Amino acid sequence: MVPVLLLFLLPVGGGIPAGVLLARSEGLAWPLTAGLYLVSDVLLALAFEPVLRLFAAWGRKVPFLARLRAALKAAMARSAAHVGGGAGPLALVLIAFGVDPMTGRASALAAGHGFLAGWTFAIAGDMLYYAVIALTTLRLNAYFRNPNTTVLVVLGAMIAVPMLVRALRPGPRPSL
């Protein structure tokens, strides 16, 4: 159980497919596996929140961080505009789903949401992301029957699919 939690604590998405396959090989039921992922999100919240608050405080005093804070607010507004309703719960859940829970929480803080509400939105989005990746991993592993191949395919899809969606989506292209 501990190795699965440690894989889920990896700061990149690769921990999900590897953790799900390891949990299955250890005979862990899916609710326990999802619970371990939730625990990893709560640990992330406890570790990341002080850092976020520190940067928010510095952002009021340090010019570079103030510009970064303004850019984050603008990016959050653009992301929220795609789903409508401003920086409401659905927009924040979708930001966490589409990017990561830290960005979801930072967006929630920029929108004025406190610790509990902000992390609730961020974790809800991340748990949805977990569900998609976990189900995809388990389904693909039934075809490949090799955990290493499955993890590589899922990781490749995690990188390629968002790029493909952005390339095929109509509308103005973001400038770099």
N, C-alpha and C. Protein backbone atom coordinates (compact mmCIF):
# COMPACT_ATOMS: atom_id res chain seq x y z
N MET A 1 0.81 -1.19 0.00
CA MET A 1 0.00 0.00 0.00
C MET A 1 0.87 1.27 0.00
N VAL A 2 1.94 1.27 0.77
CA VAL A 2 2.82 2.43 0.83
C VAL A 2 3.49 2.72 -0.51
N PRO A 3 3.98 1.69 -1.23
CA PRO A 3 4.57 1.99 -2.54
C PRO A 3 3.58 2.63 -3.51
N VAL A 4 2.31 2.25 -3.44
CA VAL A 4 1.29 2.85 -4.30
C VAL A 4 1.13 4.32 -3.95
N LEU A 5 1.04 4.62 -2.66
CA LEU A 5 0.92 6.01 -2.21
C LEU A 5 2.14 6.82 -2.66
N LEU A 6 3.32 6.23 -2.55
CA LEU A 6 4.53 6.95 -2.97
C LEU A 6 4.51 7.25 -4.47
N LEU A 7 4.01 6.32 -5.27
CA LEU A 7 3.89 6.58 -6.71
C LEU A 7 2.90 7.72 -6.96
N PHE A 8 1.80 7.73 -6.21
CA PHE A 8 0.81 8.79 -6.38
C PHE A 8 1.35 10.14 -5.94
N LEU A 9 2.35 10.16 -5.08
CA LEU A 9 2.93 11.42 -4.63
C LEU A 9 3.91 12.02 -5.64
N LEU A 10 4.25 11.27 -6.69
CA LEU A 10 5.13 11.84 -7.72
C LEU A 10 4.48 13.10 -8.29
N PRO A 11 5.27 14.14 -8.50
CA PRO A 11 4.67 15.41 -8.93
C PRO A 11 4.25 15.46 -10.40
N VAL A 12 4.40 14.38 -11.11
CA VAL A 12 3.96 14.35 -12.51
C VAL A 12 2.93 13.25 -12.67
N GLY A 13 2.19 13.28 -13.76
CA GLY A 13 1.09 12.34 -13.97
C GLY A 13 1.50 10.89 -14.13
N GLY A 14 2.77 10.59 -14.31
CA GLY A 14 3.22 9.22 -14.51
C GLY A 14 2.99 8.31 -13.33
N GLY A 15 2.79 8.89 -12.15
CA GLY A 15 2.55 8.08 -10.98
C GLY A 15 1.20 7.40 -10.99
N ILE A 16 0.24 7.97 -11.71
CA ILE A 16 -1.10 7.39 -11.72
C ILE A 16 -1.12 6.02 -12.41
N PRO A 17 -0.69 5.92 -13.67
CA PRO A 17 -0.76 4.59 -14.29
C PRO A 17 0.09 3.55 -13.56
N ALA A 18 1.28 3.94 -13.14
CA ALA A 18 2.14 2.99 -12.44
C ALA A 18 1.52 2.60 -11.10
N GLY A 19 0.97 3.56 -10.38
CA GLY A 19 0.34 3.27 -9.10
C GLY A 19 -0.90 2.40 -9.23
N VAL A 20 -1.70 2.65 -10.24
CA VAL A 20 -2.91 1.85 -10.46
C VAL A 20 -2.53 0.41 -10.79
N LEU A 21 -1.55 0.22 -11.65
CA LEU A 21 -1.14 -1.14 -12.00
C LEU A 21 -0.49 -1.86 -10.82
N LEU A 22 0.30 -1.13 -10.03
CA LEU A 22 0.90 -1.74 -8.85
C LEU A 22 -0.18 -2.12 -7.84
N ALA A 23 -1.16 -1.24 -7.65
CA ALA A 23 -2.25 -1.54 -6.72
C ALA A 23 -3.01 -2.79 -7.16
N ARG A 24 -3.26 -2.89 -8.44
CA ARG A 24 -3.97 -4.07 -8.95
C ARG A 24 -3.14 -5.34 -8.75
N SER A 25 -1.83 -5.24 -9.00
CA SER A 25 -0.99 -6.42 -8.82
C SER A 25 -0.87 -6.82 -7.35
N GLU A 26 -1.03 -5.86 -6.44
CA GLU A 26 -1.01 -6.16 -5.00
C GLU A 26 -2.38 -6.57 -4.47
N GLY A 27 -3.39 -6.57 -5.35
CA GLY A 27 -4.72 -7.00 -4.95
C GLY A 27 -5.53 -5.95 -4.22
N LEU A 28 -5.16 -4.69 -4.34
CA LEU A 28 -5.91 -3.62 -3.68
C LEU A 28 -7.19 -3.34 -4.47
N ALA A 29 -8.29 -3.20 -3.78
CA ALA A 29 -9.56 -2.89 -4.42
C ALA A 29 -9.53 -1.45 -4.95
N TRP A 30 -10.32 -1.19 -5.99
CA TRP A 30 -10.29 0.14 -6.60
C TRP A 30 -10.71 1.25 -5.63
N PRO A 31 -11.67 1.05 -4.70
CA PRO A 31 -11.97 2.15 -3.78
C PRO A 31 -10.79 2.49 -2.87
N LEU A 32 -10.03 1.48 -2.45
CA LEU A 32 -8.85 1.74 -1.63
C LEU A 32 -7.79 2.47 -2.44
N THR A 33 -7.62 2.08 -3.69
CA THR A 33 -6.65 2.74 -4.57
C THR A 33 -7.03 4.20 -4.78
N ALA A 34 -8.30 4.46 -5.04
CA ALA A 34 -8.76 5.84 -5.20
C ALA A 34 -8.59 6.61 -3.90
N GLY A 35 -8.83 5.93 -2.77
CA GLY A 35 -8.63 6.58 -1.47
C GLY A 35 -7.18 6.95 -1.24
N LEU A 36 -6.26 6.09 -1.67
CA LEU A 36 -4.83 6.42 -1.57
C LEU A 36 -4.49 7.64 -2.43
N TYR A 37 -5.11 7.73 -3.60
CA TYR A 37 -4.86 8.90 -4.44
C TYR A 37 -5.41 10.15 -3.77
N LEU A 38 -6.57 10.04 -3.15
CA LEU A 38 -7.14 11.17 -2.41
C LEU A 38 -6.22 11.59 -1.26
N VAL A 39 -5.68 10.62 -0.55
CA VAL A 39 -4.72 10.93 0.53
C VAL A 39 -3.51 11.67 -0.04
N SER A 40 -3.03 11.25 -1.21
CA SER A 40 -1.89 11.95 -1.82
C SER A 40 -2.24 13.39 -2.15
N ASP A 41 -3.49 13.63 -2.58
CA ASP A 41 -3.93 15.01 -2.85
C ASP A 41 -4.01 15.83 -1.57
N VAL A 42 -4.47 15.24 -0.50
CA VAL A 42 -4.55 15.96 0.78
C VAL A 42 -3.14 16.29 1.28
N LEU A 43 -2.22 15.33 1.15
CA LEU A 43 -0.83 15.61 1.54
C LEU A 43 -0.24 16.73 0.68
N LEU A 44 -0.55 16.72 -0.61
CA LEU A 44 -0.12 17.79 -1.50
C LEU A 44 -0.67 19.14 -1.03
N ALA A 45 -1.93 19.16 -0.65
CA ALA A 45 -2.55 20.40 -0.18
C ALA A 45 -1.83 20.92 1.05
N LEU A 46 -1.54 20.05 1.98
CA LEU A 46 -0.86 20.47 3.21
C LEU A 46 0.56 20.96 2.95
N ALA A 47 1.23 20.37 1.98
CA ALA A 47 2.60 20.77 1.66
C ALA A 47 2.64 22.03 0.79
N PHE A 48 1.69 22.17 -0.14
CA PHE A 48 1.74 23.26 -1.11
C PHE A 48 1.13 24.56 -0.59
N GLU A 49 0.14 24.49 0.27
CA GLU A 49 -0.56 25.69 0.72
C GLU A 49 0.37 26.72 1.38
N PRO A 50 1.28 26.33 2.28
CA PRO A 50 2.18 27.35 2.85
C PRO A 50 3.05 28.02 1.80
N VAL A 51 3.51 27.25 0.83
CA VAL A 51 4.32 27.82 -0.25
C VAL A 51 3.49 28.80 -1.07
N LEU A 52 2.26 28.43 -1.39
CA LEU A 52 1.37 29.30 -2.15
C LEU A 52 1.10 30.59 -1.39
N ARG A 53 0.82 30.48 -0.11
CA ARG A 53 0.55 31.66 0.72
C ARG A 53 1.78 32.56 0.81
N LEU A 54 2.95 31.97 0.90
CA LEU A 54 4.19 32.74 0.95
C LEU A 54 4.37 33.53 -0.35
N PHE A 55 4.18 32.87 -1.48
CA PHE A 55 4.29 33.56 -2.76
C PHE A 55 3.22 34.63 -2.92
N ALA A 56 2.03 34.38 -2.41
CA ALA A 56 0.97 35.38 -2.48
C ALA A 56 1.33 36.61 -1.66
N ALA A 57 1.92 36.40 -0.49
CA ALA A 57 2.35 37.53 0.35
C ALA A 57 3.49 38.29 -0.31
N TRP A 58 4.46 37.57 -0.84
CA TRP A 58 5.57 38.21 -1.53
C TRP A 58 5.09 38.92 -2.80
N GLY A 59 4.04 38.38 -3.41
CA GLY A 59 3.51 38.96 -4.64
C GLY A 59 2.99 40.36 -4.45
N ARG A 60 2.69 40.73 -3.23
CA ARG A 60 2.24 42.09 -2.95
C ARG A 60 3.42 43.04 -2.82
N LYS A 61 4.63 42.49 -2.61
CA LYS A 61 5.79 43.33 -2.31
C LYS A 61 6.89 43.28 -3.36
N VAL A 62 7.05 42.14 -4.02
CA VAL A 62 8.13 41.95 -4.99
C VAL A 62 7.55 42.18 -6.39
N PRO A 63 8.10 43.15 -7.14
CA PRO A 63 7.53 43.49 -8.45
C PRO A 63 7.40 42.30 -9.40
N PHE A 64 8.42 41.46 -9.49
CA PHE A 64 8.36 40.32 -10.39
C PHE A 64 7.21 39.39 -10.01
N LEU A 65 7.06 39.11 -8.73
CA LEU A 65 5.98 38.23 -8.28
C LEU A 65 4.62 38.90 -8.44
N ALA A 66 4.58 40.23 -8.34
CA ALA A 66 3.31 40.93 -8.58
C ALA A 66 2.89 40.77 -10.03
N ARG A 67 3.85 40.83 -10.96
CA ARG A 67 3.54 40.61 -12.38
C ARG A 67 3.11 39.16 -12.61
N LEU A 68 3.78 38.22 -11.94
CA LEU A 68 3.41 36.81 -12.05
C LEU A 68 1.99 36.59 -11.52
N ARG A 69 1.67 37.23 -10.42
CA ARG A 69 0.31 37.13 -9.84
C ARG A 69 -0.73 37.68 -10.82
N ALA A 70 -0.42 38.82 -11.43
CA ALA A 70 -1.35 39.41 -12.41
C ALA A 70 -1.50 38.49 -13.62
N ALA A 71 -0.42 37.88 -14.05
CA ALA A 71 -0.48 36.96 -15.19
C ALA A 71 -1.31 35.73 -14.83
N LEU A 72 -1.17 35.23 -13.61
CA LEU A 72 -1.97 34.09 -13.17
C LEU A 72 -3.45 34.44 -13.15
N LYS A 73 -3.78 35.63 -12.66
CA LYS A 73 -5.18 36.05 -12.64
C LYS A 73 -5.72 36.15 -14.07
N ALA A 74 -4.93 36.69 -14.99
CA ALA A 74 -5.37 36.81 -16.38
C ALA A 74 -5.53 35.42 -17.02
N ALA A 75 -4.60 34.53 -16.75
CA ALA A 75 -4.69 33.17 -17.30
C ALA A 75 -5.90 32.44 -16.73
N MET A 76 -6.15 32.63 -15.45
CA MET A 76 -7.32 32.01 -14.83
C MET A 76 -8.60 32.55 -15.46
N ALA A 77 -8.64 33.84 -15.72
CA ALA A 77 -9.83 34.43 -16.35
C ALA A 77 -10.04 33.88 -17.76
N ARG A 78 -8.94 33.71 -18.51
CA ARG A 78 -9.06 33.13 -19.86
C ARG A 78 -9.53 31.69 -19.79
N SER A 79 -8.98 30.92 -18.86
CA SER A 79 -9.39 29.51 -18.72
C SER A 79 -10.85 29.42 -18.29
N ALA A 80 -11.24 30.27 -17.37
CA ALA A 80 -12.62 30.24 -16.89
C ALA A 80 -13.60 30.67 -17.97
N ALA A 81 -13.16 31.53 -18.88
CA ALA A 81 -14.03 32.00 -19.96
C ALA A 81 -14.42 30.85 -20.90
N HIS A 82 -13.57 29.82 -20.99
CA HIS A 82 -13.88 28.68 -21.86
C HIS A 82 -15.07 27.88 -21.36
N VAL A 83 -15.29 27.87 -20.04
CA VAL A 83 -16.40 27.11 -19.49
C VAL A 83 -17.53 28.00 -19.02
N GLY A 84 -17.35 29.32 -19.09
CA GLY A 84 -18.40 30.26 -18.69
C GLY A 84 -18.52 30.34 -17.18
N GLY A 85 -19.19 31.37 -16.73
CA GLY A 85 -19.46 31.52 -15.31
C GLY A 85 -18.33 32.07 -14.49
N GLY A 86 -17.29 32.61 -15.11
CA GLY A 86 -16.21 33.22 -14.34
C GLY A 86 -15.40 32.18 -13.58
N ALA A 87 -15.02 32.55 -12.36
CA ALA A 87 -14.17 31.69 -11.55
C ALA A 87 -15.00 30.89 -10.56
N GLY A 88 -16.11 30.37 -11.02
CA GLY A 88 -16.97 29.56 -10.17
C GLY A 88 -16.41 28.17 -9.98
N PRO A 89 -17.10 27.37 -9.19
CA PRO A 89 -16.61 26.02 -8.88
C PRO A 89 -16.34 25.15 -10.10
N LEU A 90 -17.25 25.16 -11.08
CA LEU A 90 -17.05 24.31 -12.26
C LEU A 90 -15.78 24.71 -13.02
N ALA A 91 -15.58 26.00 -13.20
CA ALA A 91 -14.38 26.47 -13.90
C ALA A 91 -13.12 26.05 -13.16
N LEU A 92 -13.13 26.16 -11.84
CA LEU A 92 -11.94 25.81 -11.05
C LEU A 92 -11.70 24.29 -11.05
N VAL A 93 -12.76 23.51 -11.01
CA VAL A 93 -12.61 22.05 -11.10
C VAL A 93 -12.01 21.69 -12.46
N LEU A 94 -12.49 22.33 -13.52
CA LEU A 94 -11.98 22.03 -14.86
C LEU A 94 -10.54 22.49 -15.04
N ILE A 95 -10.15 23.59 -14.40
CA ILE A 95 -8.74 24.02 -14.45
C ILE A 95 -7.86 22.97 -13.79
N ALA A 96 -8.28 22.49 -12.61
CA ALA A 96 -7.50 21.45 -11.92
C ALA A 96 -7.46 20.16 -12.74
N PHE A 97 -8.58 19.82 -13.39
CA PHE A 97 -8.62 18.62 -14.24
C PHE A 97 -7.67 18.79 -15.43
N GLY A 98 -7.70 19.95 -16.06
CA GLY A 98 -6.94 20.16 -17.29
C GLY A 98 -5.47 20.46 -17.09
N VAL A 99 -5.10 20.99 -15.93
CA VAL A 99 -3.70 21.35 -15.70
C VAL A 99 -3.13 20.49 -14.57
N ASP A 100 -3.39 20.88 -13.35
CA ASP A 100 -2.98 20.11 -12.17
C ASP A 100 -3.63 20.75 -10.95
N PRO A 101 -3.63 20.05 -9.81
CA PRO A 101 -4.31 20.60 -8.64
C PRO A 101 -3.66 21.87 -8.08
N MET A 102 -2.34 22.00 -8.22
CA MET A 102 -1.69 23.22 -7.72
C MET A 102 -2.15 24.44 -8.50
N THR A 103 -2.26 24.31 -9.81
CA THR A 103 -2.76 25.41 -10.63
C THR A 103 -4.22 25.69 -10.31
N GLY A 104 -4.98 24.62 -10.09
CA GLY A 104 -6.37 24.79 -9.69
C GLY A 104 -6.49 25.54 -8.38
N ARG A 105 -5.65 25.21 -7.41
CA ARG A 105 -5.68 25.90 -6.12
C ARG A 105 -5.20 27.34 -6.25
N ALA A 106 -4.15 27.56 -7.03
CA ALA A 106 -3.67 28.93 -7.23
C ALA A 106 -4.75 29.77 -7.91
N SER A 107 -5.46 29.19 -8.86
CA SER A 107 -6.55 29.91 -9.52
C SER A 107 -7.68 30.20 -8.54
N ALA A 108 -7.96 29.25 -7.67
CA ALA A 108 -9.00 29.46 -6.66
C ALA A 108 -8.61 30.56 -5.69
N LEU A 109 -7.34 30.60 -5.31
CA LEU A 109 -6.87 31.68 -4.44
C LEU A 109 -6.96 33.02 -5.14
N ALA A 110 -6.57 33.05 -6.42
CA ALA A 110 -6.66 34.30 -7.18
C ALA A 110 -8.11 34.76 -7.31
N ALA A 111 -9.05 33.82 -7.30
CA ALA A 111 -10.47 34.16 -7.40
C ALA A 111 -11.07 34.48 -6.03
N GLY A 112 -10.26 34.36 -4.98
CA GLY A 112 -10.73 34.73 -3.65
C GLY A 112 -11.26 33.59 -2.80
N HIS A 113 -11.06 32.36 -3.24
CA HIS A 113 -11.55 31.22 -2.46
C HIS A 113 -10.52 30.84 -1.40
N GLY A 114 -11.00 30.48 -0.23
CA GLY A 114 -10.14 30.12 0.88
C GLY A 114 -9.57 28.72 0.76
N PHE A 115 -8.90 28.29 1.83
CA PHE A 115 -8.21 27.01 1.85
C PHE A 115 -9.14 25.84 1.55
N LEU A 116 -10.21 25.71 2.30
CA LEU A 116 -11.06 24.53 2.17
C LEU A 116 -11.78 24.49 0.82
N ALA A 117 -12.42 25.59 0.44
CA ALA A 117 -13.13 25.61 -0.84
C ALA A 117 -12.15 25.47 -2.01
N GLY A 118 -11.04 26.19 -1.95
CA GLY A 118 -10.06 26.14 -3.03
C GLY A 118 -9.51 24.75 -3.25
N TRP A 119 -9.14 24.08 -2.16
CA TRP A 119 -8.60 22.73 -2.31
C TRP A 119 -9.69 21.72 -2.65
N THR A 120 -10.91 21.98 -2.22
CA THR A 120 -12.01 21.08 -2.60
C THR A 120 -12.20 21.09 -4.11
N PHE A 121 -12.19 22.27 -4.72
CA PHE A 121 -12.32 22.37 -6.17
C PHE A 121 -11.13 21.72 -6.87
N ALA A 122 -9.92 22.00 -6.37
CA ALA A 122 -8.71 21.47 -6.98
C ALA A 122 -8.66 19.94 -6.88
N ILE A 123 -8.99 19.41 -5.72
CA ILE A 123 -8.95 17.96 -5.53
C ILE A 123 -10.06 17.28 -6.33
N ALA A 124 -11.22 17.91 -6.41
CA ALA A 124 -12.31 17.33 -7.22
C ALA A 124 -11.87 17.19 -8.68
N GLY A 125 -11.25 18.23 -9.22
CA GLY A 125 -10.76 18.15 -10.60
C GLY A 125 -9.67 17.10 -10.76
N ASP A 126 -8.78 17.01 -9.77
CA ASP A 126 -7.71 16.03 -9.86
C ASP A 126 -8.24 14.61 -9.71
N MET A 127 -9.25 14.41 -8.90
CA MET A 127 -9.84 13.07 -8.76
C MET A 127 -10.55 12.65 -10.05
N LEU A 128 -11.16 13.60 -10.75
CA LEU A 128 -11.74 13.28 -12.06
C LEU A 128 -10.64 12.87 -13.04
N TYR A 129 -9.53 13.61 -13.01
CA TYR A 129 -8.39 13.28 -13.87
C TYR A 129 -7.87 11.88 -13.51
N TYR A 130 -7.75 11.60 -12.23
CA TYR A 130 -7.31 10.28 -11.78
C TYR A 130 -8.24 9.20 -12.34
N ALA A 131 -9.54 9.41 -12.25
CA ALA A 131 -10.50 8.41 -12.72
C ALA A 131 -10.31 8.12 -14.20
N VAL A 132 -10.13 9.17 -14.99
CA VAL A 132 -9.94 8.98 -16.44
C VAL A 132 -8.66 8.19 -16.71
N ILE A 133 -7.57 8.58 -16.08
CA ILE A 133 -6.28 7.92 -16.32
C ILE A 133 -6.30 6.49 -15.77
N ALA A 134 -6.89 6.29 -14.59
CA ALA A 134 -6.93 4.95 -14.00
C ALA A 134 -7.74 3.99 -14.86
N LEU A 135 -8.91 4.42 -15.31
CA LEU A 135 -9.74 3.56 -16.16
C LEU A 135 -9.05 3.27 -17.49
N THR A 136 -8.44 4.29 -18.06
CA THR A 136 -7.71 4.11 -19.32
C THR A 136 -6.56 3.12 -19.14
N THR A 137 -5.84 3.27 -18.06
CA THR A 137 -4.70 2.38 -17.79
C THR A 137 -5.16 0.93 -17.65
N LEU A 138 -6.20 0.71 -16.88
CA LEU A 138 -6.68 -0.67 -16.67
C LEU A 138 -7.21 -1.28 -17.96
N ARG A 139 -7.93 -0.48 -18.76
CA ARG A 139 -8.45 -0.99 -20.04
C ARG A 139 -7.32 -1.32 -21.01
N LEU A 140 -6.34 -0.42 -21.11
CA LEU A 140 -5.22 -0.67 -22.03
C LEU A 140 -4.38 -1.86 -21.59
N ASN A 141 -4.23 -2.03 -20.28
CA ASN A 141 -3.42 -3.14 -19.79
C ASN A 141 -4.06 -4.49 -20.14
N ALA A 142 -5.36 -4.51 -20.29
CA ALA A 142 -6.03 -5.74 -20.71
C ALA A 142 -5.62 -6.12 -22.13
N TYR A 143 -5.28 -5.12 -22.95
CA TYR A 143 -4.84 -5.39 -24.32
C TYR A 143 -3.34 -5.67 -24.40
N PHE A 144 -2.54 -4.86 -23.73
CA PHE A 144 -1.09 -5.00 -23.83
C PHE A 144 -0.53 -6.10 -22.95
N ARG A 145 -1.14 -6.30 -21.78
CA ARG A 145 -0.71 -7.32 -20.82
C ARG A 145 0.73 -7.13 -20.35
N ASN A 146 1.28 -5.98 -20.58
CA ASN A 146 2.63 -5.66 -20.10
C ASN A 146 2.55 -4.30 -19.41
N PRO A 147 2.75 -4.25 -18.10
CA PRO A 147 2.60 -2.99 -17.39
C PRO A 147 3.51 -1.87 -17.90
N ASN A 148 4.73 -2.21 -18.28
CA ASN A 148 5.66 -1.19 -18.77
C ASN A 148 5.15 -0.57 -20.07
N THR A 149 4.67 -1.39 -20.97
CA THR A 149 4.13 -0.89 -22.23
C THR A 149 2.89 -0.04 -21.96
N THR A 150 2.03 -0.51 -21.07
CA THR A 150 0.81 0.23 -20.75
C THR A 150 1.16 1.61 -20.21
N VAL A 151 2.08 1.67 -19.25
CA VAL A 151 2.47 2.96 -18.66
C VAL A 151 3.04 3.89 -19.73
N LEU A 152 3.88 3.36 -20.61
CA LEU A 152 4.46 4.20 -21.67
C LEU A 152 3.39 4.72 -22.63
N VAL A 153 2.43 3.88 -22.98
CA VAL A 153 1.36 4.31 -23.88
C VAL A 153 0.51 5.39 -23.20
N VAL A 154 0.16 5.18 -21.94
CA VAL A 154 -0.66 6.16 -21.22
C VAL A 154 0.11 7.48 -21.07
N LEU A 155 1.38 7.41 -20.71
CA LEU A 155 2.18 8.64 -20.59
C LEU A 155 2.27 9.36 -21.93
N GLY A 156 2.48 8.61 -22.99
CA GLY A 156 2.51 9.22 -24.32
C GLY A 156 1.21 9.90 -24.66
N ALA A 157 0.10 9.24 -24.34
CA ALA A 157 -1.22 9.84 -24.60
C ALA A 157 -1.45 11.07 -23.73
N MET A 158 -0.95 11.04 -22.49
CA MET A 158 -1.11 12.20 -21.61
C MET A 158 -0.38 13.42 -22.17
N ILE A 159 0.66 13.19 -22.92
CA ILE A 159 1.40 14.30 -23.53
C ILE A 159 0.81 14.66 -24.89
N ALA A 160 0.51 13.66 -25.70
CA ALA A 160 0.11 13.90 -27.09
C ALA A 160 -1.34 14.38 -27.24
N VAL A 161 -2.26 13.83 -26.47
CA VAL A 161 -3.68 14.17 -26.66
C VAL A 161 -3.95 15.66 -26.42
N PRO A 162 -3.46 16.27 -25.32
CA PRO A 162 -3.70 17.71 -25.16
C PRO A 162 -3.11 18.55 -26.30
N MET A 163 -1.92 18.15 -26.78
CA MET A 163 -1.32 18.89 -27.89
C MET A 163 -2.17 18.75 -29.14
N LEU A 164 -2.69 17.57 -29.39
CA LEU A 164 -3.54 17.34 -30.55
C LEU A 164 -4.84 18.13 -30.45
N VAL A 165 -5.44 18.15 -29.27
CA VAL A 165 -6.69 18.90 -29.08
C VAL A 165 -6.45 20.38 -29.34
N ARG A 166 -5.34 20.92 -28.80
CA ARG A 166 -5.03 22.35 -29.03
C ARG A 166 -4.80 22.63 -30.51
N ALA A 167 -4.16 21.71 -31.21
CA ALA A 167 -3.87 21.92 -32.62
C ALA A 167 -5.13 21.86 -33.47
N LEU A 168 -6.08 21.02 -33.08
CA LEU A 168 -7.30 20.85 -33.88
C LEU A 168 -8.43 21.81 -33.50
N ARG A 169 -8.30 22.44 -32.33
CA ARG A 169 -9.36 23.33 -31.86
C ARG A 169 -9.39 24.60 -32.72
N PRO A 170 -10.57 24.97 -33.19
CA PRO A 170 -10.67 26.21 -33.97
C PRO A 170 -10.51 27.43 -33.07
N GLY A 171 -10.16 28.53 -33.68
CA GLY A 171 -10.03 29.77 -32.92
C GLY A 171 -8.62 30.29 -32.96
N PRO A 172 -8.41 31.41 -32.28
CA PRO A 172 -7.07 32.01 -32.29
C PRO A 172 -6.05 31.15 -31.56
N ARG A 173 -4.85 31.13 -32.07
CA ARG A 173 -3.77 30.37 -31.47
C ARG A 173 -3.06 31.27 -30.45
N PRO A 174 -2.70 30.70 -29.29
CA PRO A 174 -1.95 31.50 -28.33
C PRO A 174 -0.56 31.82 -28.86
N SER A 175 -0.12 33.02 -28.62
CA SER A 175 1.22 33.41 -29.08
C SER A 175 2.22 33.08 -27.99
N LEU A 176 3.40 32.66 -28.41
CA LEU A 176 4.45 32.31 -27.44
C LEU A 176 5.43 33.41 -27.27
